[in-house]
C-alpha atoms as a PDB file:
ATOM      1  CA  UNK A   1     -37.596 -42.907  39.879  1.00  0.00           C
ATOM      2  CA  UNK A   2     -41.040 -45.681  38.287  1.00  0.00           C
ATOM      3  CA  UNK A   3     -43.815 -43.382  36.587  1.00  0.00           C
ATOM      4  CA  UNK A   4     -46.715 -45.168  35.869  1.00  0.00           C
ATOM      5  CA  UNK A   5     -48.038 -44.770  32.564  1.00  0.00           C
ATOM      6  CA  UNK A   6     -51.234 -43.455  30.382  1.00  0.00           C
ATOM      7  CA  UNK A   7     -51.488 -43.483  27.126  1.00  0.00           C
ATOM      8  CA  UNK A   8     -55.742 -42.101  26.265  1.00  0.00           C
ATOM      9  CA  UNK A   9     -55.085 -41.967  22.750  1.00  0.00           C
ATOM     10  CA  UNK A  10     -54.659 -45.414  21.660  1.00  0.00           C
ATOM     11  CA  UNK A  11     -54.462 -47.489  18.558  1.00  0.00           C
ATOM     12  CA  UNK A  12     -57.189 -49.806  18.937  1.00  0.00           C
ATOM     13  CA  UNK A  13     -56.484 -51.903  16.602  1.00  0.00           C
ATOM     14  CA  UNK A  14     -53.007 -53.057  18.494  1.00  0.00           C
ATOM     15  CA  UNK A  15     -54.123 -52.521  22.642  1.00  0.00           C
ATOM     16  CA  UNK A  16     -55.430 -55.548  24.354  1.00  0.00           C
ATOM     17  CA  UNK A  17     -58.237 -56.120  26.341  1.00  0.00           C
ATOM     18  CA  UNK A  18     -56.857 -54.720  29.371  1.00  0.00           C
ATOM     19  CA  UNK A  19     -55.985 -51.384  27.920  1.00  0.00           C
ATOM     20  CA  UNK A  20     -58.991 -50.656  26.273  1.00  0.00           C
ATOM     21  CA  UNK A  21     -61.106 -51.144  29.725  1.00  0.00           C
ATOM     22  CA  UNK A  22     -58.946 -49.392  31.305  1.00  0.00           C
ATOM     23  CA  UNK A  23     -59.740 -46.205  28.976  1.00  0.00           C
ATOM     24  CA  UNK A  24     -63.213 -46.937  29.425  1.00  0.00           C
ATOM     25  CA  UNK A  25     -63.022 -46.770  32.992  1.00  0.00           C
ATOM     26  CA  UNK A  26     -61.611 -43.324  32.728  1.00  0.00           C
ATOM     27  CA  UNK A  27     -65.130 -42.652  31.032  1.00  0.00           C
ATOM     28  CA  UNK A  28     -66.934 -43.806  33.091  1.00  0.00           C
ATOM     29  CA  UNK A  29     -65.210 -43.282  36.862  1.00  0.00           C
ATOM     30  CA  UNK A  30     -61.967 -41.518  36.837  1.00  0.00           C
ATOM     31  CA  UNK A  31     -61.602 -41.034  40.240  1.00  0.00           C
ATOM     32  CA  UNK A  32     -61.780 -44.608  40.444  1.00  0.00           C
ATOM     33  CA  UNK A  33     -59.651 -45.265  37.660  1.00  0.00           C
ATOM     34  CA  UNK A  34     -56.825 -43.296  38.708  1.00  0.00           C
ATOM     35  CA  UNK A  35     -56.650 -45.139  42.151  1.00  0.00           C
ATOM     36  CA  UNK A  36     -55.626 -47.956  40.759  1.00  0.00           C
ATOM     37  CA  UNK A  37     -52.769 -46.399  39.576  1.00  0.00           C
ATOM     38  CA  UNK A  38     -49.528 -45.773  41.550  1.00  0.00           C
ATOM     39  CA  UNK A  39     -48.123 -42.427  41.999  1.00  0.00           C
ATOM     40  CA  UNK A  40     -46.305 -40.221  40.389  1.00  0.00           C
ATOM     41  CA  UNK A  41     -48.810 -40.968  37.273  1.00  0.00           C
ATOM     42  CA  UNK A  42     -48.312 -39.937  33.788  1.00  0.00           C
ATOM     43  CA  UNK A  43     -51.053 -39.306  31.586  1.00  0.00           C
ATOM     44  CA  UNK A  44     -51.030 -38.810  27.430  1.00  0.00           C
ATOM     45  CA  UNK A  45     -53.263 -37.426  25.325  1.00  0.00           C
ATOM     46  CA  UNK A  46     -55.669 -36.218  28.442  1.00  0.00           C
ATOM     47  CA  UNK A  47     -57.662 -33.911  26.445  1.00  0.00           C
ATOM     48  CA  UNK A  48     -59.216 -37.560  25.100  1.00  0.00           C
ATOM     49  CA  UNK A  49     -61.495 -37.971  28.466  1.00  0.00           C
ATOM     50  CA  UNK A  50     -61.415 -34.536  29.977  1.00  0.00           C
ATOM     51  CA  UNK A  51     -63.506 -35.440  32.951  1.00  0.00           C
ATOM     52  CA  UNK A  52     -59.958 -36.596  34.115  1.00  0.00           C
ATOM     53  CA  UNK A  53     -59.180 -33.288  35.248  1.00  0.00           C
ATOM     54  CA  UNK A  54     -61.703 -33.083  37.635  1.00  0.00           C
ATOM     55  CA  UNK A  55     -60.374 -36.253  38.763  1.00  0.00           C
ATOM     56  CA  UNK A  56     -56.732 -35.570  39.468  1.00  0.00           C
ATOM     57  CA  UNK A  57     -57.858 -32.104  40.845  1.00  0.00           C
ATOM     58  CA  UNK A  58     -59.666 -34.411  43.446  1.00  0.00           C
ATOM     59  CA  UNK A  59     -56.734 -36.251  44.015  1.00  0.00           C
ATOM     60  CA  UNK A  60     -54.797 -32.859  44.526  1.00  0.00           C
ATOM     61  CA  UNK A  61     -57.187 -31.850  47.190  1.00  0.00           C
ATOM     62  CA  UNK A  62     -57.181 -34.719  48.769  1.00  0.00           C
ATOM     63  CA  UNK A  63     -53.093 -35.415  49.160  1.00  0.00           C
ATOM     64  CA  UNK A  64     -51.416 -32.510  48.884  1.00  0.00           C
ATOM     65  CA  UNK A  65     -47.882 -33.758  47.780  1.00  0.00           C
ATOM     66  CA  UNK A  66     -46.450 -32.261  44.752  1.00  0.00           C
ATOM     67  CA  UNK A  67     -45.429 -34.529  41.724  1.00  0.00           C
ATOM     68  CA  UNK A  68     -47.946 -36.984  41.427  1.00  0.00           C
ATOM     69  CA  UNK A  69     -49.807 -36.575  37.913  1.00  0.00           C
ATOM     70  CA  UNK A  70     -48.062 -35.551  34.452  1.00  0.00           C
ATOM     71  CA  UNK A  71     -50.410 -34.277  32.275  1.00  0.00           C
ATOM     72  CA  UNK A  72     -49.238 -34.083  28.269  1.00  0.00           C
ATOM     73  CA  UNK A  73     -51.068 -33.740  25.158  1.00  0.00           C
ATOM     74  CA  UNK A  74     -50.405 -32.348  22.165  1.00  0.00           C
ATOM     75  CA  UNK A  75     -53.269 -29.748  21.515  1.00  0.00           C
ATOM     76  CA  UNK A  76     -53.071 -26.504  23.787  1.00  0.00           C
ATOM     77  CA  UNK A  77     -55.466 -26.608  25.869  1.00  0.00           C
ATOM     78  CA  UNK A  78     -58.021 -24.281  27.909  1.00  0.00           C
ATOM     79  CA  UNK A  79     -57.718 -24.418  31.512  1.00  0.00           C
ATOM     80  CA  UNK A  80     -58.515 -20.848  32.936  1.00  0.00           C
ATOM     81  CA  UNK A  81     -62.462 -21.402  32.070  1.00  0.00           C
ATOM     82  CA  UNK A  82     -65.002 -22.076  34.921  1.00  0.00           C
ATOM     83  CA  UNK A  83     -65.066 -25.857  34.402  1.00  0.00           C
ATOM     84  CA  UNK A  84     -61.737 -26.643  36.532  1.00  0.00           C
ATOM     85  CA  UNK A  85     -59.650 -24.083  38.729  1.00  0.00           C
ATOM     86  CA  UNK A  86     -56.444 -25.050  37.902  1.00  0.00           C
ATOM     87  CA  UNK A  87     -54.823 -22.402  40.567  1.00  0.00           C
ATOM     88  CA  UNK A  88     -51.866 -23.563  42.650  1.00  0.00           C
ATOM     89  CA  UNK A  89     -52.484 -26.446  41.971  1.00  0.00           C
ATOM     90  CA  UNK A  90     -50.874 -26.807  37.511  1.00  0.00           C
ATOM     91  CA  UNK A  91     -47.568 -25.513  35.936  1.00  0.00           C
ATOM     92  CA  UNK A  92     -47.906 -25.399  32.332  1.00  0.00           C
ATOM     93  CA  UNK A  93     -45.183 -25.436  30.257  1.00  0.00           C
ATOM     94  CA  UNK A  94     -44.487 -25.485  26.863  1.00  0.00           C
ATOM     95  CA  UNK A  95     -42.511 -28.151  24.660  1.00  0.00           C
ATOM     96  CA  UNK A  96     -41.244 -27.583  21.191  1.00  0.00           C
ATOM     97  CA  UNK A  97     -40.525 -30.501  19.014  1.00  0.00           C
ATOM     98  CA  UNK A  98     -37.632 -33.142  18.995  1.00  0.00           C
ATOM     99  CA  UNK A  99     -34.715 -31.946  16.624  1.00  0.00           C
ATOM    100  CA  UNK A 100     -33.111 -35.046  15.258  1.00  0.00           C
ATOM    101  CA  UNK A 101     -29.521 -34.350  16.882  1.00  0.00           C
ATOM    102  CA  UNK A 102     -31.973 -34.601  20.302  1.00  0.00           C
ATOM    103  CA  UNK A 103     -33.272 -37.795  19.075  1.00  0.00           C
ATOM    104  CA  UNK A 104     -29.968 -38.758  18.147  1.00  0.00           C
END
């Protein structure tokens, strides 16, 4: 299965103009930014642009097909607040770092 991927936290010195423009588009209009990617879509370090959660919610509400988005990040985010009701839309997994034998 092919997965589209977007990393929010990127080293700006090594990013192409296209990637930087896409990052800005998530800040400006996250709904439109999501619309240009094929699904499933992996959004890494999504907490860098928290407004993307609302866009993901609206997309899932419009098309309730499972597995459209995979959101990953390196910090624990509070998804229980009133700003984004995740009920029925999110399965949270705690992942531990890889050990050397898993990498090799």
